[in-house]
Protein backbone atom coordinates (compact mmCIF):
# COMPACT_ATOMS: atom_id res chain seq x y z
CA MET A 1 -8.61 -7.77 -47.85
CA THR A 2 -8.57 -6.33 -50.94
CA ASP A 3 -8.12 -3.47 -54.22
CA ARG A 4 -6.56 -2.22 -55.94
CA THR A 5 -5.85 -0.27 -59.25
CA THR A 6 -5.06 3.38 -59.71
CA GLY A 7 -6.53 5.89 -62.09
CA ALA A 8 -10.02 7.11 -62.85
CA ASP A 9 -13.18 5.31 -63.87
CA LEU A 10 -15.63 6.21 -66.60
CA THR A 11 -17.34 8.11 -63.82
CA ARG A 12 -15.01 8.73 -60.92
CA ILE A 13 -16.89 7.97 -57.72
CA PRO A 14 -15.12 9.63 -54.79
CA ALA A 15 -17.48 8.00 -52.28
CA LEU A 16 -16.05 4.55 -53.12
CA ASP A 17 -12.67 5.67 -51.78
CA GLY A 18 -14.45 6.71 -48.60
CA LEU A 19 -16.18 3.34 -48.43
CA ARG A 20 -12.77 1.66 -48.61
CA GLY A 21 -11.66 3.98 -45.83
CA VAL A 22 -14.54 2.87 -43.63
CA ALA A 23 -13.76 -0.79 -44.39
CA ILE A 24 -10.09 -0.56 -43.41
CA LEU A 25 -10.87 1.48 -40.29
CA ALA A 26 -13.38 -1.18 -39.25
CA VAL A 27 -10.73 -3.88 -39.64
CA ILE A 28 -8.23 -1.90 -37.53
CA LEU A 29 -10.89 -1.35 -34.88
CA TYR A 30 -11.56 -5.09 -34.75
CA HIS A 31 -7.91 -6.11 -34.55
CA THR A 32 -7.04 -3.52 -31.91
CA GLU A 33 -9.78 -4.74 -29.61
CA TYR A 34 -9.06 -8.39 -30.41
CA PHE A 35 -5.37 -8.23 -29.52
CA ALA A 36 -5.82 -5.84 -26.59
CA ALA A 37 -8.50 -8.13 -25.10
CA LEU A 38 -9.68 -5.57 -22.55
CA ALA A 39 -12.83 -6.31 -20.59
CA GLN A 40 -15.26 -3.46 -21.24
CA THR A 41 -17.63 -2.23 -18.56
CA GLY A 42 -20.51 0.20 -18.63
CA SER A 43 -23.02 0.81 -21.40
CA LEU A 44 -20.59 2.87 -23.48
CA GLY A 45 -17.88 0.23 -23.23
CA ARG A 46 -20.30 -2.52 -24.21
CA ALA A 47 -21.53 -0.46 -27.17
CA TYR A 48 -17.94 0.06 -28.31
CA ASP A 49 -17.26 -3.66 -27.90
CA ALA A 50 -20.31 -4.51 -30.01
CA LEU A 51 -19.15 -2.14 -32.75
CA ALA A 52 -15.50 -3.23 -32.75
CA SER A 53 -16.31 -6.94 -32.63
CA ARG A 54 -18.09 -6.57 -35.98
CA GLY A 55 -15.19 -4.76 -37.62
CA HIS A 56 -13.95 -7.88 -39.38
CA TYR A 57 -16.90 -7.52 -41.73
CA GLY A 58 -14.88 -4.76 -43.35
CA VAL A 59 -13.19 -7.61 -45.23
CA ASP A 60 -16.56 -8.67 -46.66
CA LEU A 61 -17.18 -5.11 -47.78
CA PHE A 62 -13.79 -5.16 -49.53
CA PHE A 63 -14.81 -8.40 -51.26
CA VAL A 64 -18.07 -6.95 -52.62
CA LEU A 65 -16.22 -3.83 -53.80
CA SER A 66 -13.52 -5.89 -55.49
CA GLY A 67 -16.03 -8.20 -57.14
CA TYR A 68 -17.93 -5.20 -58.51
CA LEU A 69 -14.97 -3.17 -59.77
CA ILE A 70 -12.96 -6.07 -61.18
CA THR A 71 -15.97 -7.44 -63.04
CA ARG A 72 -16.78 -3.98 -64.37
CA ILE A 73 -13.22 -3.70 -65.68
CA LEU A 74 -13.48 -7.11 -67.33
CA VAL A 75 -16.93 -6.58 -68.87
CA GLU A 76 -15.91 -3.22 -70.34
CA SER A 77 -12.67 -4.61 -71.80
CA ARG A 78 -14.20 -7.89 -73.02
CA PRO A 79 -13.92 -6.93 -76.73
CA ARG A 80 -10.22 -6.03 -76.45
CA ARG A 81 -7.63 -8.22 -78.14
CA ASP A 82 -5.25 -7.72 -75.23
CA TYR A 83 -7.97 -8.58 -72.69
CA TYR A 84 -5.88 -11.00 -70.62
CA THR A 85 -2.46 -9.40 -70.91
CA ARG A 86 -3.76 -5.93 -70.08
CA PHE A 87 -5.73 -7.12 -67.05
CA TYR A 88 -2.97 -9.25 -65.55
CA TRP A 89 -0.27 -6.67 -66.28
CA ARG A 90 -2.22 -4.00 -64.40
CA ARG A 91 -3.11 -6.36 -61.55
CA ALA A 92 0.51 -7.44 -61.13
CA LEU A 93 1.81 -3.87 -61.06
CA ARG A 94 -0.83 -2.78 -58.58
CA ILE A 95 -0.80 -5.74 -56.20
CA PHE A 96 2.59 -7.46 -56.25
CA PRO A 97 5.06 -4.68 -55.36
CA ALA A 98 3.55 -3.62 -52.02
CA TYR A 99 2.70 -7.22 -51.13
CA TYR A 100 6.17 -8.56 -51.78
CA VAL A 101 7.85 -5.64 -50.01
CA TYR A 102 5.75 -6.49 -46.96
CA LEU A 103 6.61 -10.19 -47.24
CA ALA A 104 10.33 -9.44 -47.53
CA LEU A 105 10.14 -7.32 -44.39
CA ALA A 106 8.08 -9.91 -42.49
CA LEU A 107 9.89 -13.07 -43.60
CA TRP A 108 13.48 -11.86 -43.90
CA VAL A 109 14.22 -8.45 -42.42
CA ALA A 110 12.29 -8.63 -39.13
CA PRO A 111 13.66 -12.07 -38.08
CA ALA A 112 17.19 -11.09 -39.15
CA LEU A 113 16.99 -8.00 -36.92
CA HIS A 114 15.53 -10.12 -34.07
CA MET A 115 12.55 -7.82 -33.83
CA PRO A 116 10.17 -8.77 -30.97
CA GLY A 117 7.53 -11.21 -32.09
CA ALA A 118 9.13 -11.86 -35.50
CA LEU A 119 9.70 -15.61 -35.73
CA PRO A 120 11.79 -17.34 -38.40
CA ILE A 121 9.39 -18.99 -40.84
CA PRO A 122 10.45 -22.46 -42.05
CA ALA A 123 11.46 -22.53 -45.70
CA SER A 124 8.84 -25.24 -46.27
CA GLN A 125 6.11 -22.73 -45.38
CA GLN A 126 7.42 -19.60 -47.05
CA GLY A 127 6.28 -20.67 -50.50
CA TRP A 128 2.65 -20.50 -49.40
CA TYR A 129 3.01 -16.79 -48.70
CA TRP A 130 4.99 -15.92 -51.83
CA LEU A 131 2.45 -17.74 -54.04
CA TYR A 132 -0.67 -16.22 -52.43
CA GLY A 133 -1.56 -19.43 -50.65
CA THR A 134 -1.89 -18.12 -47.09
CA ASN A 135 -5.54 -19.15 -47.00
CA LEU A 136 -4.67 -22.68 -48.15
CA LEU A 137 -1.97 -22.95 -45.50
CA ALA A 138 -4.34 -21.65 -42.81
CA ALA A 139 -7.00 -24.16 -43.84
CA ARG A 140 -4.40 -26.93 -43.70
CA ILE A 141 -2.65 -26.21 -40.38
CA GLY A 142 -5.13 -23.85 -38.72
CA MET A 143 -5.19 -20.08 -38.38
CA LYS A 144 -3.56 -20.20 -34.93
CA ALA A 145 -0.53 -21.98 -36.38
CA VAL A 146 0.05 -19.15 -38.87
CA PRO A 147 1.94 -16.19 -37.34
CA GLU A 148 -0.48 -13.40 -36.50
CA TYR A 149 1.47 -10.84 -38.53
CA LEU A 150 0.93 -13.06 -41.59
CA ASN A 151 -2.47 -14.72 -41.16
CA HIS A 152 -4.38 -11.61 -42.27
CA LEU A 153 -2.98 -12.21 -45.77
CA TRP A 154 -5.61 -14.91 -46.27
CA SER A 155 -8.06 -12.37 -47.74
CA LEU A 156 -5.51 -11.16 -50.30
CA ALA A 157 -4.97 -14.79 -51.29
CA VAL A 158 -8.72 -15.19 -51.81
CA GLU A 159 -8.81 -12.18 -54.11
CA GLU A 160 -5.75 -13.26 -56.06
CA GLN A 161 -7.19 -16.74 -56.63
CA PHE A 162 -10.40 -15.07 -57.79
CA TYR A 163 -8.39 -12.97 -60.26
CA LEU A 164 -6.82 -16.12 -61.72
CA VAL A 165 -10.15 -17.67 -62.67
CA TRP A 166 -12.70 -14.89 -63.07
CA PRO A 167 -11.35 -13.21 -66.24
CA SER A 168 -11.83 -16.45 -68.17
CA VAL A 169 -15.38 -16.81 -66.83
CA VAL A 170 -16.29 -13.26 -67.92
CA ARG A 171 -14.63 -13.78 -71.30
CA LEU A 172 -16.27 -17.15 -72.07
CA VAL A 173 -19.72 -16.90 -70.48
CA PRO A 174 -22.29 -15.01 -72.61
CA PRO A 175 -23.27 -11.72 -70.92
CA PRO A 176 -26.97 -12.68 -70.51
CA THR A 177 -25.89 -15.76 -68.53
CA LEU A 178 -23.17 -14.13 -66.45
CA ALA A 179 -25.49 -12.75 -63.75
CA ALA A 180 -26.98 -16.22 -63.22
CA VAL A 181 -23.45 -17.65 -62.90
CA CYS A 182 -22.64 -15.02 -60.26
CA GLY A 183 -25.75 -15.95 -58.29
CA ALA A 184 -24.98 -19.66 -58.53
CA LEU A 185 -21.40 -19.08 -57.34
CA ALA A 186 -22.59 -17.01 -54.38
CA LEU A 187 -25.05 -19.70 -53.33
CA ALA A 188 -22.50 -22.48 -53.84
CA SER A 189 -19.99 -20.61 -51.71
CA LEU A 190 -22.48 -20.27 -48.87
CA LEU A 191 -23.42 -23.95 -49.07
CA VAL A 192 -19.78 -25.06 -49.05
CA ARG A 193 -19.16 -22.86 -46.02
CA GLU A 194 -22.10 -24.42 -44.19
CA TRP A 195 -20.88 -27.93 -45.09
CA LEU A 196 -17.39 -27.19 -43.79
CA LEU A 197 -18.80 -25.71 -40.58
CA GLY A 198 -20.89 -28.84 -40.13
CA HIS A 199 -17.68 -30.89 -40.30
CA ASP A 200 -15.88 -28.63 -37.79
CA ARG A 201 -13.62 -27.16 -40.47
CA ILE A 202 -14.10 -23.67 -39.07
CA ASP A 203 -10.87 -22.13 -40.36
CA ALA A 204 -11.31 -23.64 -43.82
CA ALA A 205 -14.91 -22.39 -43.97
CA TYR A 206 -13.70 -18.86 -43.33
CA VAL A 207 -10.54 -18.58 -45.45
CA LEU A 208 -11.00 -20.71 -48.56
CA THR A 209 -11.96 -18.98 -51.80
CA TRP A 210 -14.68 -21.47 -52.64
CA SER A 211 -16.27 -21.04 -49.20
CA HIS A 212 -15.81 -17.27 -48.74
CA GLY A 213 -16.28 -16.10 -52.31
CA ASP A 214 -19.91 -15.09 -51.96
CA GLY A 215 -19.06 -11.41 -51.47
CA LEU A 216 -16.94 -11.39 -54.62
CA ALA A 217 -19.74 -13.10 -56.54
CA VAL A 218 -22.36 -10.65 -55.25
CA GLY A 219 -20.17 -7.71 -56.26
CA ALA A 220 -19.68 -9.28 -59.68
CA ALA A 221 -23.44 -9.66 -60.08
CA LEU A 222 -23.84 -5.95 -59.34
CA ALA A 223 -21.39 -5.10 -62.11
CA VAL A 224 -23.41 -7.19 -64.57
CA LEU A 225 -26.92 -6.15 -63.53
CA LEU A 226 -26.63 -2.43 -62.75
CA PRO A 227 -25.74 -1.34 -66.32
CA GLN A 228 -28.87 -3.16 -67.55
CA LEU A 229 -31.19 -0.94 -65.52
CA SER A 230 -33.34 1.53 -67.35
CA THR A 231 -33.00 5.20 -66.48
CA ALA A 232 -36.16 5.00 -64.39
CA GLY A 233 -34.99 1.80 -62.70
CA ALA A 234 -31.60 3.31 -61.86
CA ALA A 235 -33.26 6.39 -60.38
CA ARG A 236 -35.56 4.22 -58.29
CA LEU A 237 -32.66 2.10 -57.01
CA ARG A 238 -30.65 5.21 -56.27
CA ARG A 239 -33.53 6.57 -54.21
CA LEU A 240 -34.46 3.37 -52.35
CA ALA A 241 -31.12 1.59 -51.79
CA PRO A 242 -29.97 3.78 -48.85
CA TRP A 243 -33.24 3.07 -47.07
CA GLY A 244 -32.60 -0.67 -47.32
CA VAL A 245 -29.28 -0.49 -45.46
CA PRO A 246 -30.60 0.13 -41.88
CA PRO A 247 -33.24 -2.67 -41.98
CA LEU A 248 -30.61 -5.16 -43.17
CA ALA A 249 -28.27 -4.08 -40.39
CA LEU A 250 -31.09 -4.58 -37.88
CA LEU A 251 -32.01 -7.97 -39.37
CA TYR A 252 -28.37 -9.06 -39.09
CA GLU A 253 -28.32 -8.14 -35.39
CA VAL A 254 -31.59 -10.00 -34.78
CA LEU A 255 -30.18 -13.11 -36.48
CA GLN A 256 -27.00 -12.92 -34.45
CA THR A 257 -28.41 -12.14 -31.04
CA HIS A 258 -31.94 -13.56 -30.93
CA LEU A 259 -32.47 -16.20 -33.63
CA ALA A 260 -29.29 -18.29 -33.36
CA ALA A 261 -30.83 -20.60 -30.73
CA PRO A 262 -34.31 -21.03 -32.32
CA LEU A 263 -32.96 -21.48 -35.86
CA GLY A 264 -29.78 -23.35 -34.97
CA VAL A 265 -26.29 -21.90 -35.19
CA ARG A 266 -25.64 -22.99 -38.79
CA ALA A 267 -29.02 -21.76 -40.07
CA ALA A 268 -28.52 -18.42 -38.34
CA HIS A 269 -25.00 -18.19 -39.76
CA PHE A 270 -26.30 -18.83 -43.27
CA GLY A 271 -28.89 -16.10 -42.81
CA GLN A 272 -26.28 -13.70 -41.44
CA CYS A 273 -24.07 -14.23 -44.50
CA VAL A 274 -26.96 -13.63 -46.89
CA VAL A 275 -27.97 -10.47 -45.05
CA LEU A 276 -24.36 -9.24 -44.82
CA ASP A 277 -23.85 -9.71 -48.56
CA GLY A 278 -27.11 -7.90 -49.22
CA PHE A 279 -26.10 -5.08 -46.88
CA CYS A 280 -22.76 -4.58 -48.65
CA ALA A 281 -24.38 -4.85 -52.09
CA LEU A 282 -26.98 -2.21 -51.27
CA LEU A 283 -24.29 0.06 -49.88
CA VAL A 284 -22.20 -0.25 -53.05
CA ALA A 285 -25.24 0.10 -55.33
CA ALA A 286 -26.32 3.25 -53.51
CA LEU A 287 -22.96 4.83 -54.37
CA VAL A 288 -22.32 3.61 -57.91
CA VAL A 289 -25.74 4.12 -59.53
CA PRO A 290 -25.60 7.48 -61.36
CA GLY A 291 -27.69 10.29 -59.99
CA SER A 292 -27.62 13.33 -57.78
CA ALA A 293 -25.51 13.09 -54.63
CA GLY A 294 -27.37 11.89 -51.54
CA LEU A 295 -26.55 11.62 -47.85
CA LEU A 296 -24.43 8.47 -48.25
CA ASP A 297 -22.40 10.11 -51.02
CA ARG A 298 -21.68 13.11 -48.82
CA ILE A 299 -20.69 10.92 -45.88
CA PHE A 300 -18.30 8.71 -47.82
CA ALA A 301 -16.91 11.54 -49.94
CA VAL A 302 -15.39 13.25 -46.87
CA ALA A 303 -11.77 14.05 -47.76
CA PRO A 304 -10.06 12.25 -44.81
CA LEU A 305 -12.00 9.05 -45.49
CA ARG A 306 -11.11 9.21 -49.18
CA ARG A 307 -7.45 9.67 -48.30
CA VAL A 308 -7.54 6.64 -46.01
CA GLY A 309 -9.29 4.69 -48.77
CA ARG A 310 -6.51 5.53 -51.19
CA TYR A 311 -3.96 3.96 -48.86
CA SER A 312 -6.21 1.09 -47.75
CA TYR A 313 -4.31 -1.68 -49.56
CA ALA A 314 -0.98 -1.04 -47.85
CA MET A 315 -2.78 -0.13 -44.63
CA TYR A 316 -4.32 -3.59 -44.64
CA LEU A 317 -0.89 -5.15 -45.08
CA TYR A 318 0.69 -3.27 -42.16
CA GLN A 319 -2.18 -2.73 -39.72
CA GLN A 320 -1.94 -6.19 -38.14
CA PRO A 321 1.77 -6.06 -37.15
CA ILE A 322 1.28 -2.47 -36.02
CA THR A 323 -1.65 -3.45 -33.83
CA LEU A 324 0.22 -6.49 -32.51
CA GLY A 325 3.23 -4.34 -31.73
CA LEU A 326 1.17 -1.85 -29.75
CA THR A 327 -1.04 -4.27 -27.84
CA VAL A 328 1.06 -7.42 -27.35
CA VAL A 329 4.74 -6.55 -27.80
CA ALA A 330 4.70 -3.07 -26.25
CA ALA A 331 1.76 -3.91 -23.94
CA LEU A 332 0.59 -0.34 -24.35
CA PRO A 333 -2.83 -0.81 -22.66
CA ALA A 334 -1.12 -1.99 -19.48
CA ARG A 335 1.34 0.90 -19.62
CA LEU A 336 -1.57 3.33 -19.92
CA ALA A 337 -3.48 1.78 -17.02
CA PRO A 338 -1.86 3.89 -14.25
CA THR A 339 -2.82 7.06 -16.12
CA LEU A 340 -6.07 5.97 -17.80
CA HIS A 341 -8.06 3.80 -15.40
CA SER A 342 -10.85 3.12 -17.90
CA PRO A 343 -10.22 0.14 -20.24
CA LEU A 344 -12.26 1.97 -22.87
CA ALA A 345 -10.02 5.03 -22.66
CA GLN A 346 -6.93 2.82 -22.94
CA LEU A 347 -8.39 1.10 -25.99
CA LEU A 348 -9.36 4.37 -27.67
CA VAL A 349 -5.82 5.71 -27.30
CA VAL A 350 -4.28 2.51 -28.66
CA THR A 351 -6.78 2.41 -31.54
CA ALA A 352 -6.09 6.03 -32.47
CA LEU A 353 -2.36 5.35 -32.46
CA ALA A 354 -2.85 2.18 -34.56
CA ILE A 355 -4.84 4.17 -37.12
CA VAL A 356 -2.25 6.96 -37.31
CA LEU A 357 0.64 4.50 -37.72
CA SER A 358 -1.28 2.44 -40.30
CA VAL A 359 -2.07 5.56 -42.34
CA ALA A 360 1.62 6.53 -42.16
CA ALA A 361 2.66 3.05 -43.33
CA GLY A 362 0.09 3.21 -46.15
CA TRP A 363 1.32 6.63 -47.23
CA LEU A 364 4.96 5.50 -47.24
CA SER A 365 4.07 2.43 -49.30
CA TRP A 366 2.06 4.61 -51.69
CA VAL A 367 4.87 7.12 -52.16
CA LEU A 368 7.86 4.74 -52.21
CA VAL A 369 6.40 1.68 -53.92
CA GLU A 370 2.88 1.78 -55.33
CA GLN A 371 2.95 5.13 -57.12
CA TRP A 372 6.20 4.28 -58.87
CA PHE A 373 4.85 1.01 -60.28
CA ALA A 374 1.52 2.63 -61.15
CA ARG A 375 3.32 4.63 -63.83
CA LEU A 376 4.17 1.35 -65.56
CA ARG A 377 0.64 -0.01 -65.51
CA VAL A 378 0.19 0.34 -69.30
CA PRO A 379 2.88 -1.53 -71.29
CA THR A 380 4.87 0.59 -73.71
CA ARG A 381 3.62 -0.11 -77.22
CA SER A 382 3.41 1.72 -80.47
CA ALA A 383 0.40 3.93 -81.14
CA ALA A 384 -0.61 1.60 -83.98
CA ALA A 385 -0.55 -1.43 -81.68
CA ARG A 386 -2.62 0.39 -79.05
CA ALA A 387 -5.15 1.44 -81.67
CA ALA A 388 -5.40 -2.12 -82.96
CA ALA A 389 -5.93 -3.54 -79.47
CA ALA A 390 -8.63 -1.10 -78.40
CA PRO A 391 -12.27 -1.78 -79.37
CA ARG A 392 -14.14 0.81 -81.35
CA PRO A 393 -16.38 2.79 -78.98
CA ALA A 394 -20.08 2.64 -79.61
CA SER A 395 -21.74 5.77 -80.78
CA GLY A 396 -21.88 8.25 -77.92
CA ALA A 397 -19.76 6.08 -75.62
CA HIS A 398 -17.02 7.46 -73.46
CA PRO A 399 -13.44 6.40 -74.19
CA GLU A 400 -12.10 3.84 -71.73
CA THR A 401 -10.14 5.16 -68.81
CA HIS A 402 -8.57 3.55 -65.77
CA THR A 403 -10.61 2.26 -62.87
CA PRO A 404 -10.24 3.53 -59.32
CA PRO A 405 -8.62 1.62 -56.46
CA LEU A 406 -10.61 -1.31 -55.18
């Protein structure tokens, strides 16, 4: 799942916050339906089921966004003397506090209070969570063996492992070659995933960084290639990219529903992943390429979506236990059944409540934890040291500012 820095970019793009909002809402939609497991009837119920069952692709959208924004940060700060220290300092302050507060609550507080569904985690397993190794643990013992209020942390582990390696790649690989490296990594990730699926390593194929890093690599390629566009090329992409989104969505559905049998499951899956990455990349490109605001900008710049996007990191942390609590522990759908006879109505009420509680948890984390640490994101140094560390801006360039949340 992942972010996550505060501040403003060279060009603040409000629609990206809205895009994060859509991604986290899609994930909540997916988890609510998954844990509620209500059989949907009627055309409306089946349509809702089709929409919610694809909500987990919100994680892939987060990956493309993270790959783009993190690589943009790194490329812009490549000449800095404090390239590594500045990046990792800001990452640590943005990511660690909320994550470790959640882990302390999940691993220590909830079991100590004997909260329903909170199981004591063996000490031998706790290190995997504290060291961002949830995905490695899930690949080793299986996703079902990882408690459901912890297994969603696999995506944050993927991003953190990406952060450990990618700054050195951007720093050491010449800029003209970097886009080719991104493409090679995306293709390698897809091929590793297909190999693991062919050996029945389904969980490993889904959660390992080297088999689910294609979205990050595609986002990184965007960050490298988009600034190289000419003014005319950027305008053309800005105009055409939104029109490419619906056909890719349709192609994805055709691959999933009609071509899996003729092509074979693994071939169809490979095609789905390529199309999904392309869909997310076009969506991001349509919003980040400079130009006049279009329909997509207006949709994703809606204030409530932007607000949800701001809290999306902590919302991702807390949405799974909230959804589990509502659907499994409290059995809310069954409690609503005497009043709401329609499974769809029950699910809509539970989903709305899950969203409200997740936003509340995200807001509390933002106010009590994340905002406080965000003030420390730039280490205290003398003005002379800051001046020495910063590169000289090119003629006409904007001074560097902070990037928005991922």
